[in-house]
Amino acid sequence: MVDLTRREFWQGLTAMTAALAVPSMGGAADGERDKFGPLLPKRKLGNGGPAVTMLGVGGAHISDASEKDAQAIIETAMAEGVRFFDTAAMYGGGQSERRYGAMLVPKYRDHIFLMTKSTAGDGKSAARELDESLSRLRCEYVDLWQIHSLMSAGDAESRVKNGVLDVFLDAQKRGKVRHIGFTGHTDFRSHVRMTELLRERGVKVVSAQMPINVVDPHHESFVENAVPPCVAAGIGVIAMKTMAFGRLLGQRRGWRRNNVAFEGAIPGAVAFEDAMRFVWSLPISVLVSGMESPTQVRQNAKLARTFNPLTDAERQALLTKTKNFAGPNVEFYKG
């Protein structure tokens, strides 16, 4: 597919999402396992990309937690079958990567999918950031390196022009990273433009990370505007901010719009479980969750294991219920 209209996207949702599912190895009834136990269900990350568990650990919360809690979150995630671990150079000033380097990599490196990101605006800075990330992670390579936090279509153009994409491709060629992608939560136009730039260059990437939740379709929507071109280009979608940084739960968090009035949609209007089902019922490869405790890890892992896709009627009902909760005060990171 070269182009995918919104209508075609919504009409083909069930088939596109089902196509991402990865059958368990050997057809085992109880799913795939490794030496640490049963894995969560897996999905494909991009056309020809790797298979990843449908739930991933958010790295920002690993840096925010106490050292004891960070270790507990990591160990619980492994025990629950999560094998996708997200982080970025900017999280906690490198703290998230350092903690993975100390708590995750030494014991589990060969059994996980490890991703980090760079906010560098030019090639030289990106190359330096990668070496620093690998040092903190105590790794020779990462499975996925992403151009981080694209702010606008112009930002995407600038980073490509300033050599960031070239450094990413070189790092992949040299074996420092296995796959590359990009992220952003400010403006869906950044993702649309980056997808166009990659097409123009003839470059294939496996992933694009973006905010996806039950209110997103009502306000500057990544689901309606960024997901379709990514799916059409064979780029795997990584979902983040599925609770709008806690604001869907009524939590006053975030780095802007802190003095505004808003109401959480969960649990009054919709159930937490259905909000998660909404995201997994879209053609996304992995839901990266900022889990703050072992209890939250176990809760989300259970939802992944028992996931049942929404019907079209259920999806429409959720969107109707959440319409009045949408807007810039809840999704404060947009714009």
C-alpha atoms as a PDB file:
ATOM      1  CA  MET A   1       0.000   0.000   0.000  1.00  0.00           C
ATOM      2  CA  VAL A   2       1.163   3.488  -0.841  1.00  0.00           C
ATOM      3  CA  ASP A   3      -1.781   5.446   0.561  1.00  0.00           C
ATOM      4  CA  LEU A   4      -4.444   4.501   3.075  1.00  0.00           C
ATOM      5  CA  THR A   5      -7.443   6.753   3.625  1.00  0.00           C
ATOM      6  CA  ARG A   6      -9.042   7.177   7.055  1.00  0.00           C
ATOM      7  CA  ARG A   7     -12.122   5.306   5.878  1.00  0.00           C
ATOM      8  CA  GLU A   8     -10.047   2.405   4.554  1.00  0.00           C
ATOM      9  CA  PHE A   9      -8.104   2.417   7.813  1.00  0.00           C
ATOM     10  CA  TRP A  10     -11.172   2.084  10.049  1.00  0.00           C
ATOM     11  CA  GLN A  11     -12.830  -0.432   7.728  1.00  0.00           C
ATOM     12  CA  GLY A  12      -9.735  -2.621   7.591  1.00  0.00           C
ATOM     13  CA  LEU A  13      -8.841  -2.335  11.262  1.00  0.00           C
ATOM     14  CA  THR A  14      -9.695  -5.871  12.324  1.00  0.00           C
ATOM     15  CA  ALA A  15      -7.765  -7.496   9.490  1.00  0.00           C
ATOM     16  CA  MET A  16      -4.726  -5.230   9.904  1.00  0.00           C
ATOM     17  CA  THR A  17      -4.532  -5.886  13.634  1.00  0.00           C
ATOM     18  CA  ALA A  18      -4.992  -9.633  13.264  1.00  0.00           C
ATOM     19  CA  ALA A  19      -2.211  -9.726  10.663  1.00  0.00           C
ATOM     20  CA  LEU A  20       0.293  -8.545  13.288  1.00  0.00           C
ATOM     21  CA  ALA A  21      -0.226 -11.535  15.576  1.00  0.00           C
ATOM     22  CA  VAL A  22       2.636 -14.018  15.731  1.00  0.00           C
ATOM     23  CA  PRO A  23       1.718 -17.678  16.266  1.00  0.00           C
ATOM     24  CA  SER A  24       3.515 -19.339  19.171  1.00  0.00           C
ATOM     25  CA  MET A  25       6.618 -21.303  18.241  1.00  0.00           C
ATOM     26  CA  GLY A  26       5.777 -24.891  17.440  1.00  0.00           C
ATOM     27  CA  GLY A  27       2.088 -24.119  17.870  1.00  0.00           C
ATOM     28  CA  ALA A  28       2.310 -24.698  21.624  1.00  0.00           C
ATOM     29  CA  ALA A  29      -1.099 -24.378  23.266  1.00  0.00           C
ATOM     30  CA  ASP A  30       0.314 -22.441  26.199  1.00  0.00           C
ATOM     31  CA  GLY A  31       2.318 -20.037  24.033  1.00  0.00           C
ATOM     32  CA  GLU A  32       6.017 -19.371  23.537  1.00  0.00           C
ATOM     33  CA  ARG A  33       8.495 -19.788  26.381  1.00  0.00           C
ATOM     34  CA  ASP A  34      12.135 -19.061  27.091  1.00  0.00           C
ATOM     35  CA  LYS A  35      14.386 -20.106  29.981  1.00  0.00           C
ATOM     36  CA  PHE A  36      12.672 -17.589  32.270  1.00  0.00           C
ATOM     37  CA  GLY A  37       9.117 -18.763  31.622  1.00  0.00           C
ATOM     38  CA  PRO A  38       6.085 -18.179  29.357  1.00  0.00           C
ATOM     39  CA  LEU A  39       6.114 -15.094  27.137  1.00  0.00           C
ATOM     40  CA  LEU A  40       3.281 -12.708  26.501  1.00  0.00           C
ATOM     41  CA  PRO A  41       1.724 -12.888  23.020  1.00  0.00           C
ATOM     42  CA  LYS A  42       3.874 -11.384  20.293  1.00  0.00           C
ATOM     43  CA  ARG A  43       3.215  -9.130  17.335  1.00  0.00           C
ATOM     44  CA  LYS A  44       5.260  -8.190  14.266  1.00  0.00           C
ATOM     45  CA  LEU A  45       7.173  -4.913  14.410  1.00  0.00           C
ATOM     46  CA  GLY A  46       6.994  -3.590  10.872  1.00  0.00           C
ATOM     47  CA  ASN A  47       7.103  -5.512   7.597  1.00  0.00           C
ATOM     48  CA  GLY A  48       9.988  -7.948   7.873  1.00  0.00           C
ATOM     49  CA  GLY A  49      10.804  -6.741  11.380  1.00  0.00           C
ATOM     50  CA  PRO A  50      11.192  -8.766  14.564  1.00  0.00           C
ATOM     51  CA  ALA A  51       8.443 -10.232  16.719  1.00  0.00           C
ATOM     52  CA  VAL A  52       8.008  -8.412  20.034  1.00  0.00           C
ATOM     53  CA  THR A  53       5.817  -8.922  23.072  1.00  0.00           C
ATOM     54  CA  MET A  54       2.638  -6.851  22.852  1.00  0.00           C
ATOM     55  CA  LEU A  55       3.437  -5.160  26.189  1.00  0.00           C
ATOM     56  CA  GLY A  56       6.644  -3.265  26.901  1.00  0.00           C
ATOM     57  CA  VAL A  57       8.167  -1.547  29.941  1.00  0.00           C
ATOM     58  CA  GLY A  58       8.379   2.249  29.737  1.00  0.00           C
ATOM     59  CA  GLY A  59      11.876   3.447  30.550  1.00  0.00           C
ATOM     60  CA  ALA A  60      11.038   6.918  31.886  1.00  0.00           C
ATOM     61  CA  HIS A  61       9.381   5.378  34.925  1.00  0.00           C
ATOM     62  CA  ILE A  62      12.434   3.203  35.551  1.00  0.00           C
ATOM     63  CA  SER A  63      14.445   6.366  36.132  1.00  0.00           C
ATOM     64  CA  ASP A  64      11.705   8.000  38.206  1.00  0.00           C
ATOM     65  CA  ALA A  65      11.296   5.039  40.567  1.00  0.00           C
ATOM     66  CA  SER A  66      13.496   4.290  43.543  1.00  0.00           C
ATOM     67  CA  GLU A  67      16.328   1.875  42.841  1.00  0.00           C
ATOM     68  CA  LYS A  68      14.513  -0.869  44.762  1.00  0.00           C
ATOM     69  CA  ASP A  69      11.257  -0.306  42.877  1.00  0.00           C
ATOM     70  CA  ALA A  70      13.028  -0.134  39.507  1.00  0.00           C
ATOM     71  CA  GLN A  71      14.597  -3.518  40.146  1.00  0.00           C
ATOM     72  CA  ALA A  72      11.237  -4.951  41.233  1.00  0.00           C
ATOM     73  CA  ILE A  73       9.500  -3.648  38.096  1.00  0.00           C
ATOM     74  CA  ILE A  74      12.160  -5.199  35.865  1.00  0.00           C
ATOM     75  CA  GLU A  75      12.104  -8.579  37.624  1.00  0.00           C
ATOM     76  CA  THR A  76       8.306  -8.700  37.666  1.00  0.00           C
ATOM     77  CA  ALA A  77       8.150  -7.816  33.978  1.00  0.00           C
ATOM     78  CA  MET A  78      10.487 -10.678  33.129  1.00  0.00           C
ATOM     79  CA  ALA A  79       8.499 -13.082  35.314  1.00  0.00           C
ATOM     80  CA  GLU A  80       5.263 -11.985  33.625  1.00  0.00           C
ATOM     81  CA  GLY A  81       6.622 -12.604  30.125  1.00  0.00           C
ATOM     82  CA  VAL A  82       7.420  -9.044  29.025  1.00  0.00           C
ATOM     83  CA  ARG A  83      10.480  -8.964  26.773  1.00  0.00           C
ATOM     84  CA  PHE A  84      10.328  -5.432  25.316  1.00  0.00           C
ATOM     85  CA  PHE A  85      12.154  -2.706  27.229  1.00  0.00           C
ATOM     86  CA  ASP A  86      11.983   0.972  26.280  1.00  0.00           C
ATOM     87  CA  THR A  87      14.388   3.708  27.343  1.00  0.00           C
ATOM     88  CA  ALA A  88      16.025   6.899  26.030  1.00  0.00           C
ATOM     89  CA  ALA A  89      19.198   8.858  26.608  1.00  0.00           C
ATOM     90  CA  MET A  90      17.203  11.764  28.063  1.00  0.00           C
ATOM     91  CA  TYR A  91      15.300   9.772  30.712  1.00  0.00           C
ATOM     92  CA  GLY A  92      16.591  10.878  34.083  1.00  0.00           C
ATOM     93  CA  GLY A  93      19.730  12.256  32.481  1.00  0.00           C
ATOM     94  CA  GLY A  94      20.780   8.732  31.519  1.00  0.00           C
ATOM     95  CA  GLN A  95      19.542   7.165  34.760  1.00  0.00           C
ATOM     96  CA  SER A  96      17.104   4.842  33.009  1.00  0.00           C
ATOM     97  CA  GLU A  97      19.841   3.481  30.741  1.00  0.00           C
ATOM     98  CA  ARG A  98      22.239   3.102  33.671  1.00  0.00           C
ATOM     99  CA  ARG A  99      19.669   1.122  35.613  1.00  0.00           C
ATOM    100  CA  TYR A 100      19.007  -1.174  32.672  1.00  0.00           C
ATOM    101  CA  GLY A 101      22.760  -1.579  32.328  1.00  0.00           C
ATOM    102  CA  ALA A 102      23.017  -2.666  35.948  1.00  0.00           C
ATOM    103  CA  MET A 103      19.716  -4.471  36.546  1.00  0.00           C
ATOM    104  CA  LEU A 104      18.513  -5.841  33.203  1.00  0.00           C
ATOM    105  CA  VAL A 105      21.311  -6.363  30.712  1.00  0.00           C
ATOM    106  CA  PRO A 106      23.742  -8.534  32.724  1.00  0.00           C
ATOM    107  CA  LYS A 107      21.155 -11.252  33.363  1.00  0.00           C
ATOM    108  CA  TYR A 108      18.691 -10.959  30.490  1.00  0.00           C
ATOM    109  CA  ARG A 109      20.358  -9.364  27.451  1.00  0.00           C
ATOM    110  CA  ASP A 110      20.041 -12.371  25.155  1.00  0.00           C
ATOM    111  CA  HIS A 111      16.332 -12.746  25.915  1.00  0.00           C
ATOM    112  CA  ILE A 112      15.003  -9.204  25.557  1.00  0.00           C
ATOM    113  CA  PHE A 113      14.320  -6.589  22.907  1.00  0.00           C
ATOM    114  CA  LEU A 114      16.084  -3.416  24.050  1.00  0.00           C
ATOM    115  CA  MET A 115      15.324  -0.005  22.596  1.00  0.00           C
ATOM    116  CA  THR A 116      16.754   3.458  23.218  1.00  0.00           C
ATOM    117  CA  LYS A 117      16.390   6.855  21.561  1.00  0.00           C
ATOM    118  CA  SER A 118      18.254  10.053  20.723  1.00  0.00           C
ATOM    119  CA  THR A 119      16.990  13.636  20.644  1.00  0.00           C
ATOM    120  CA  ALA A 120      20.097  14.785  18.736  1.00  0.00           C
ATOM    121  CA  GLY A 121      19.508  17.459  16.117  1.00  0.00           C
ATOM    122  CA  ASP A 122      22.589  16.697  14.018  1.00  0.00           C
ATOM    123  CA  GLY A 123      24.597  13.688  12.964  1.00  0.00           C
ATOM    124  CA  LYS A 124      27.656  14.338  15.121  1.00  0.00           C
ATOM    125  CA  SER A 125      25.571  14.666  18.271  1.00  0.00           C
ATOM    126  CA  ALA A 126      23.590  11.542  17.402  1.00  0.00           C
ATOM    127  CA  ALA A 127      26.765   9.458  16.990  1.00  0.00           C
ATOM    128  CA  ARG A 128      28.040  10.670  20.345  1.00  0.00           C
ATOM    129  CA  GLU A 129      24.715   9.961  22.058  1.00  0.00           C
ATOM    130  CA  LEU A 130      24.655   6.408  20.753  1.00  0.00           C
ATOM    131  CA  ASP A 131      28.109   5.649  22.124  1.00  0.00           C
ATOM    132  CA  GLU A 132      27.120   7.145  25.471  1.00  0.00           C
ATOM    133  CA  SER A 133      23.896   5.126  25.527  1.00  0.00           C
ATOM    134  CA  LEU A 134      25.692   1.878  24.749  1.00  0.00           C
ATOM    135  CA  SER A 135      28.167   2.612  27.525  1.00  0.00           C
ATOM    136  CA  ARG A 136      25.416   3.225  30.078  1.00  0.00           C
ATOM    137  CA  LEU A 137      23.505   0.161  28.907  1.00  0.00           C
ATOM    138  CA  ARG A 138      26.683  -1.950  28.948  1.00  0.00           C
ATOM    139  CA  CYS A 139      25.821  -3.263  25.492  1.00  0.00           C
ATOM    140  CA  GLU A 140      27.603  -3.616  22.195  1.00  0.00           C
ATOM    141  CA  TYR A 141      24.335  -2.985  20.335  1.00  0.00           C
ATOM    142  CA  VAL A 142      20.668  -2.176  20.873  1.00  0.00           C
ATOM    143  CA  ASP A 143      17.806  -3.867  19.077  1.00  0.00           C
ATOM    144  CA  LEU A 144      16.132  -0.579  18.185  1.00  0.00           C
ATOM    145  CA  TRP A 145      17.392   3.008  18.096  1.00  0.00           C
ATOM    146  CA  GLN A 146      14.851   5.737  17.438  1.00  0.00           C
ATOM    147  CA  ILE A 147      15.047   9.381  16.392  1.00  0.00           C
ATOM    148  CA  HIS A 148      13.362  10.768  19.472  1.00  0.00           C
ATOM    149  CA  SER A 149      10.674  13.367  20.095  1.00  0.00           C
ATOM    150  CA  LEU A 150      10.047  14.872  16.673  1.00  0.00           C
ATOM    151  CA  MET A 151       8.249  18.155  17.307  1.00  0.00           C
ATOM    152  CA  SER A 152       6.915  19.099  13.874  1.00  0.00           C
ATOM    153  CA  ALA A 153       7.167  18.429  10.157  1.00  0.00           C
ATOM    154  CA  GLY A 154       9.925  21.028  10.046  1.00  0.00           C
ATOM    155  CA  ASP A 155      11.799  19.272  12.830  1.00  0.00           C
ATOM    156  CA  ALA A 156      11.686  16.016  10.863  1.00  0.00           C
ATOM    157  CA  GLU A 157      13.065  17.807   7.813  1.00  0.00           C
ATOM    158  CA  SER A 158      15.789  19.495   9.838  1.00  0.00           C
ATOM    159  CA  ARG A 159      17.059  16.316  11.446  1.00  0.00           C
ATOM    160  CA  VAL A 160      17.214  14.512   8.126  1.00  0.00           C
ATOM    161  CA  LYS A 161      18.965  17.502   6.515  1.00  0.00           C
ATOM    162  CA  ASN A 162      21.469  17.705   9.410  1.00  0.00           C
ATOM    163  CA  GLY A 163      22.572  14.105   9.008  1.00  0.00           C
ATOM    164  CA  VAL A 164      20.749  12.382  11.854  1.00  0.00           C
ATOM    165  CA  LEU A 165      19.161   9.761   9.597  1.00  0.00           C
ATOM    166  CA  ASP A 166      22.517   9.110   7.913  1.00  0.00           C
ATOM    167  CA  VAL A 167      24.140   8.390  11.291  1.00  0.00           C
ATOM    168  CA  PHE A 168      21.287   6.056  12.202  1.00  0.00           C
ATOM    169  CA  LEU A 169      21.707   4.141   8.956  1.00  0.00           C
ATOM    170  CA  ASP A 170      25.473   3.968   9.439  1.00  0.00           C
ATOM    171  CA  ALA A 171      25.059   2.656  12.984  1.00  0.00           C
ATOM    172  CA  GLN A 172      22.745  -0.023  11.652  1.00  0.00           C
ATOM    173  CA  LYS A 173      25.215  -0.965   8.925  1.00  0.00           C
ATOM    174  CA  ARG A 174      28.011  -1.232  11.510  1.00  0.00           C
ATOM    175  CA  GLY A 175      25.957  -3.449  13.829  1.00  0.00           C
ATOM    176  CA  LYS A 176      25.597  -0.974  16.691  1.00  0.00           C
ATOM    177  CA  VAL A 177      21.819  -1.062  16.214  1.00  0.00           C
ATOM    178  CA  ARG A 178      19.721  -3.742  14.621  1.00  0.00           C
ATOM    179  CA  HIS A 179      16.721  -1.634  13.686  1.00  0.00           C
ATOM    180  CA  ILE A 180      15.841   2.054  13.500  1.00  0.00           C
ATOM    181  CA  GLY A 181      12.685   4.123  13.932  1.00  0.00           C
ATOM    182  CA  PHE A 182      11.352   7.476  15.127  1.00  0.00           C
ATOM    183  CA  THR A 183       9.104   8.899  17.848  1.00  0.00           C
ATOM    184  CA  GLY A 184       7.094  11.955  18.815  1.00  0.00           C
ATOM    185  CA  HIS A 185       4.051  13.031  20.805  1.00  0.00           C
ATOM    186  CA  THR A 186       3.638  16.702  19.885  1.00  0.00           C
ATOM    187  CA  ASP A 187       2.285  16.811  16.329  1.00  0.00           C
ATOM    188  CA  PHE A 188       1.099  13.977  14.090  1.00  0.00           C
ATOM    189  CA  ARG A 189       2.423  15.968  11.130  1.00  0.00           C
ATOM    190  CA  SER A 190       5.958  15.146  12.210  1.00  0.00           C
ATOM    191  CA  HIS A 191       5.244  11.454  11.699  1.00  0.00           C
ATOM    192  CA  VAL A 192       3.488  11.992   8.393  1.00  0.00           C
ATOM    193  CA  ARG A 193       6.396  14.069   7.106  1.00  0.00           C
ATOM    194  CA  MET A 194       9.054  11.651   8.350  1.00  0.00           C
ATOM    195  CA  THR A 195       7.231   8.815   6.597  1.00  0.00           C
ATOM    196  CA  GLU A 196       7.312  10.872   3.388  1.00  0.00           C
ATOM    197  CA  LEU A 197      11.012  11.671   3.779  1.00  0.00           C
ATOM    198  CA  LEU A 198      11.840   8.003   4.312  1.00  0.00           C
ATOM    199  CA  ARG A 199       9.886   7.081   1.206  1.00  0.00           C
ATOM    200  CA  GLU A 200      11.718   9.730  -0.809  1.00  0.00           C
ATOM    201  CA  ARG A 201      15.066   8.391   0.392  1.00  0.00           C
ATOM    202  CA  GLY A 202      14.085   4.771  -0.149  1.00  0.00           C
ATOM    203  CA  VAL A 203      14.802   4.028   3.518  1.00  0.00           C
ATOM    204  CA  LYS A 204      12.919   1.373   5.459  1.00  0.00           C
ATOM    205  CA  VAL A 205      12.513   1.621   9.227  1.00  0.00           C
ATOM    206  CA  VAL A 206      10.670  -0.787  11.503  1.00  0.00           C
ATOM    207  CA  SER A 207       8.953   1.519  13.961  1.00  0.00           C
ATOM    208  CA  ALA A 208       7.240   4.777  14.790  1.00  0.00           C
ATOM    209  CA  GLN A 209       6.308   5.514  18.405  1.00  0.00           C
ATOM    210  CA  MET A 210       3.373   7.805  19.167  1.00  0.00           C
ATOM    211  CA  PRO A 211       0.599   8.550  21.698  1.00  0.00           C
ATOM    212  CA  ILE A 212      -2.428   6.297  21.244  1.00  0.00           C
ATOM    213  CA  ASN A 213      -5.392   6.241  23.597  1.00  0.00           C
ATOM    214  CA  VAL A 214      -9.199   6.444  23.728  1.00  0.00           C
ATOM    215  CA  VAL A 215      -9.324  10.250  23.489  1.00  0.00           C
ATOM    216  CA  ASP A 216      -6.689  10.723  20.784  1.00  0.00           C
ATOM    217  CA  PRO A 217      -9.133  10.336  17.845  1.00  0.00           C
ATOM    218  CA  HIS A 218     -11.012  13.414  19.075  1.00  0.00           C
ATOM    219  CA  HIS A 219      -8.039  15.821  19.179  1.00  0.00           C
ATOM    220  CA  GLU A 220      -5.112  16.259  16.754  1.00  0.00           C
ATOM    221  CA  SER A 221      -5.249  12.528  16.237  1.00  0.00           C
ATOM    222  CA  PHE A 222      -2.218  10.326  15.724  1.00  0.00           C
ATOM    223  CA  VAL A 223      -4.527   7.323  15.321  1.00  0.00           C
ATOM    224  CA  GLU A 224      -6.350   8.833  12.350  1.00  0.00           C
ATOM    225  CA  ASN A 225      -3.497  10.772  10.775  1.00  0.00           C
ATOM    226  CA  ALA A 226      -0.178   9.083  11.601  1.00  0.00           C
ATOM    227  CA  VAL A 227      -1.045   5.407  11.987  1.00  0.00           C
ATOM    228  CA  PRO A 228      -2.488   4.922   8.466  1.00  0.00           C
ATOM    229  CA  PRO A 229       0.625   6.131   6.568  1.00  0.00           C
ATOM    230  CA  CYS A 230       2.843   4.108   8.888  1.00  0.00           C
ATOM    231  CA  VAL A 231       0.790   0.962   8.325  1.00  0.00           C
ATOM    232  CA  ALA A 232       0.776   1.635   4.582  1.00  0.00           C
ATOM    233  CA  ALA A 233       4.582   1.969   4.636  1.00  0.00           C
ATOM    234  CA  GLY A 234       5.060  -1.227   6.646  1.00  0.00           C
ATOM    235  CA  ILE A 235       6.270   0.663   9.710  1.00  0.00           C
ATOM    236  CA  GLY A 236       5.399  -0.940  13.041  1.00  0.00           C
ATOM    237  CA  VAL A 237       3.520   1.314  15.449  1.00  0.00           C
ATOM    238  CA  ILE A 238       4.630   1.530  19.087  1.00  0.00           C
ATOM    239  CA  ALA A 239       1.915   2.947  21.327  1.00  0.00           C
ATOM    240  CA  MET A 240       2.732   5.219  24.240  1.00  0.00           C
ATOM    241  CA  LYS A 241       0.796   7.540  26.565  1.00  0.00           C
ATOM    242  CA  THR A 242      -2.139   5.141  26.580  1.00  0.00           C
ATOM    243  CA  MET A 243      -3.321   6.838  29.773  1.00  0.00           C
ATOM    244  CA  ALA A 244      -2.340  10.320  28.527  1.00  0.00           C
ATOM    245  CA  PHE A 245       0.475  10.460  31.092  1.00  0.00           C
ATOM    246  CA  GLY A 246      -2.005   9.603  33.833  1.00  0.00           C
ATOM    247  CA  ARG A 247      -4.544  12.290  32.962  1.00  0.00           C
ATOM    248  CA  LEU A 248      -7.126   9.801  31.736  1.00  0.00           C
ATOM    249  CA  LEU A 249      -7.033   8.553  35.328  1.00  0.00           C
ATOM    250  CA  GLY A 250      -7.579  12.067  36.639  1.00  0.00           C
ATOM    251  CA  GLN A 251      -3.963  12.469  37.765  1.00  0.00           C
ATOM    252  CA  ARG A 252      -2.517  15.966  37.504  1.00  0.00           C
ATOM    253  CA  ARG A 253       0.809  15.095  35.948  1.00  0.00           C
ATOM    254  CA  GLY A 254       2.959  16.397  33.142  1.00  0.00           C
ATOM    255  CA  TRP A 255       5.265  19.255  32.266  1.00  0.00           C
ATOM    256  CA  ARG A 256       2.686  21.782  30.989  1.00  0.00           C
ATOM    257  CA  ARG A 257      -0.949  22.828  31.399  1.00  0.00           C
ATOM    258  CA  ASN A 258      -0.760  22.032  35.090  1.00  0.00           C
ATOM    259  CA  ASN A 259      -3.173  24.782  36.150  1.00  0.00           C
ATOM    260  CA  VAL A 260      -6.069  23.762  33.947  1.00  0.00           C
ATOM    261  CA  ALA A 261      -9.294  21.947  34.739  1.00  0.00           C
ATOM    262  CA  PHE A 262      -9.861  18.469  33.358  1.00  0.00           C
ATOM    263  CA  GLU A 263     -11.678  15.305  34.320  1.00  0.00           C
ATOM    264  CA  GLY A 264     -10.375  11.767  34.070  1.00  0.00           C
ATOM    265  CA  ALA A 265     -12.372   9.415  31.855  1.00  0.00           C
ATOM    266  CA  ILE A 266     -11.294   6.341  33.851  1.00  0.00           C
ATOM    267  CA  PRO A 267     -13.045   4.710  35.652  1.00  0.00           C
ATOM    268  CA  GLY A 268     -16.169   6.869  35.531  1.00  0.00           C
ATOM    269  CA  ALA A 269     -16.812   6.861  31.783  1.00  0.00           C
ATOM    270  CA  VAL A 270     -14.788   3.851  30.651  1.00  0.00           C
ATOM    271  CA  ALA A 271     -13.040   0.960  32.365  1.00  0.00           C
ATOM    272  CA  PHE A 272      -9.241   0.823  32.476  1.00  0.00           C
ATOM    273  CA  GLU A 273      -9.388  -2.604  30.845  1.00  0.00           C
ATOM    274  CA  ASP A 274     -11.413  -1.295  27.901  1.00  0.00           C
ATOM    275  CA  ALA A 275      -9.060   1.649  27.421  1.00  0.00           C
ATOM    276  CA  MET A 276      -6.195  -0.828  27.077  1.00  0.00           C
ATOM    277  CA  ARG A 277      -8.263  -3.047  24.759  1.00  0.00           C
ATOM    278  CA  PHE A 278      -8.916  -0.016  22.548  1.00  0.00           C
ATOM    279  CA  VAL A 279      -5.176   0.428  21.980  1.00  0.00           C
ATOM    280  CA  TRP A 280      -4.421  -3.250  21.387  1.00  0.00           C
ATOM    281  CA  SER A 281      -7.391  -3.472  18.984  1.00  0.00           C
ATOM    282  CA  LEU A 282      -5.584  -1.050  16.683  1.00  0.00           C
ATOM    283  CA  PRO A 283      -2.760  -2.183  14.341  1.00  0.00           C
ATOM    284  CA  ILE A 284      -0.056  -1.465  16.922  1.00  0.00           C
ATOM    285  CA  SER A 285       2.860  -3.794  17.561  1.00  0.00           C
ATOM    286  CA  VAL A 286       3.576  -3.081  21.210  1.00  0.00           C
ATOM    287  CA  LEU A 287       2.015  -0.983  23.953  1.00  0.00           C
ATOM    288  CA  VAL A 288       4.760   0.642  26.018  1.00  0.00           C
ATOM    289  CA  SER A 289       3.414   1.292  29.489  1.00  0.00           C
ATOM    290  CA  GLY A 290       4.919   3.489  32.176  1.00  0.00           C
ATOM    291  CA  MET A 291       4.412   0.974  34.975  1.00  0.00           C
ATOM    292  CA  GLU A 292       5.275   2.247  38.438  1.00  0.00           C
ATOM    293  CA  SER A 293       5.024  -0.915  40.519  1.00  0.00           C
ATOM    294  CA  PRO A 294       5.056  -4.715  40.259  1.00  0.00           C
ATOM    295  CA  THR A 295       1.286  -4.636  40.809  1.00  0.00           C
ATOM    296  CA  GLN A 296       0.806  -2.525  37.689  1.00  0.00           C
ATOM    297  CA  VAL A 297       3.081  -4.839  35.717  1.00  0.00           C
ATOM    298  CA  ARG A 298       1.029  -7.866  36.738  1.00  0.00           C
ATOM    299  CA  GLN A 299      -2.223  -6.052  35.971  1.00  0.00           C
ATOM    300  CA  ASN A 300      -1.150  -5.051  32.461  1.00  0.00           C
ATOM    301  CA  ALA A 301       0.409  -8.424  31.694  1.00  0.00           C
ATOM    302  CA  LYS A 302      -2.841 -10.145  32.620  1.00  0.00           C
ATOM    303  CA  LEU A 303      -4.726  -7.873  30.234  1.00  0.00           C
ATOM    304  CA  ALA A 304      -2.243  -8.734  27.462  1.00  0.00           C
ATOM    305  CA  ARG A 305      -2.614 -12.477  28.078  1.00  0.00           C
ATOM    306  CA  THR A 306      -6.414 -12.318  28.041  1.00  0.00           C
ATOM    307  CA  PHE A 307      -6.793  -9.709  25.299  1.00  0.00           C
ATOM    308  CA  ASN A 308      -9.925  -9.937  23.192  1.00  0.00           C
ATOM    309  CA  PRO A 309     -10.273  -7.415  20.338  1.00  0.00           C
ATOM    310  CA  LEU A 310     -13.031  -4.833  20.468  1.00  0.00           C
ATOM    311  CA  THR A 311     -15.867  -5.158  18.017  1.00  0.00           C
ATOM    312  CA  ASP A 312     -16.651  -2.175  15.804  1.00  0.00           C
ATOM    313  CA  ALA A 313     -19.687  -1.449  17.966  1.00  0.00           C
ATOM    314  CA  GLU A 314     -17.639  -1.569  21.169  1.00  0.00           C
ATOM    315  CA  ARG A 315     -15.031   0.764  19.671  1.00  0.00           C
ATOM    316  CA  GLN A 316     -17.641   3.279  18.612  1.00  0.00           C
ATOM    317  CA  ALA A 317     -19.262   3.138  22.038  1.00  0.00           C
ATOM    318  CA  LEU A 318     -15.930   3.908  23.707  1.00  0.00           C
ATOM    319  CA  LEU A 319     -15.247   6.808  21.375  1.00  0.00           C
ATOM    320  CA  THR A 320     -18.691   8.227  22.079  1.00  0.00           C
ATOM    321  CA  LYS A 321     -18.141   7.963  25.821  1.00  0.00           C
ATOM    322  CA  THR A 322     -14.731   9.654  25.714  1.00  0.00           C
ATOM    323  CA  LYS A 323     -15.489  12.545  23.353  1.00  0.00           C
ATOM    324  CA  ASN A 324     -16.169  15.036  26.144  1.00  0.00           C
ATOM    325  CA  PHE A 325     -12.890  14.142  27.885  1.00  0.00           C
ATOM    326  CA  ALA A 326     -10.684  14.972  24.899  1.00  0.00           C
ATOM    327  CA  GLY A 327      -8.682  18.087  24.224  1.00  0.00           C
ATOM    328  CA  PRO A 328      -5.408  19.865  24.994  1.00  0.00           C
ATOM    329  CA  ASN A 329      -5.856  19.831  28.757  1.00  0.00           C
ATOM    330  CA  VAL A 330      -5.844  16.031  28.869  1.00  0.00           C
ATOM    331  CA  GLU A 331      -3.389  15.423  26.028  1.00  0.00           C
ATOM    332  CA  PHE A 332      -1.254  18.317  27.219  1.00  0.00           C
ATOM    333  CA  TYR A 333       1.816  17.074  25.318  1.00  0.00           C
ATOM    334  CA  LYS A 334       0.255  17.857  21.939  1.00  0.00           C
ATOM    335  CA  GLY A 335       0.670  21.227  20.282  1.00  0.00           C
END
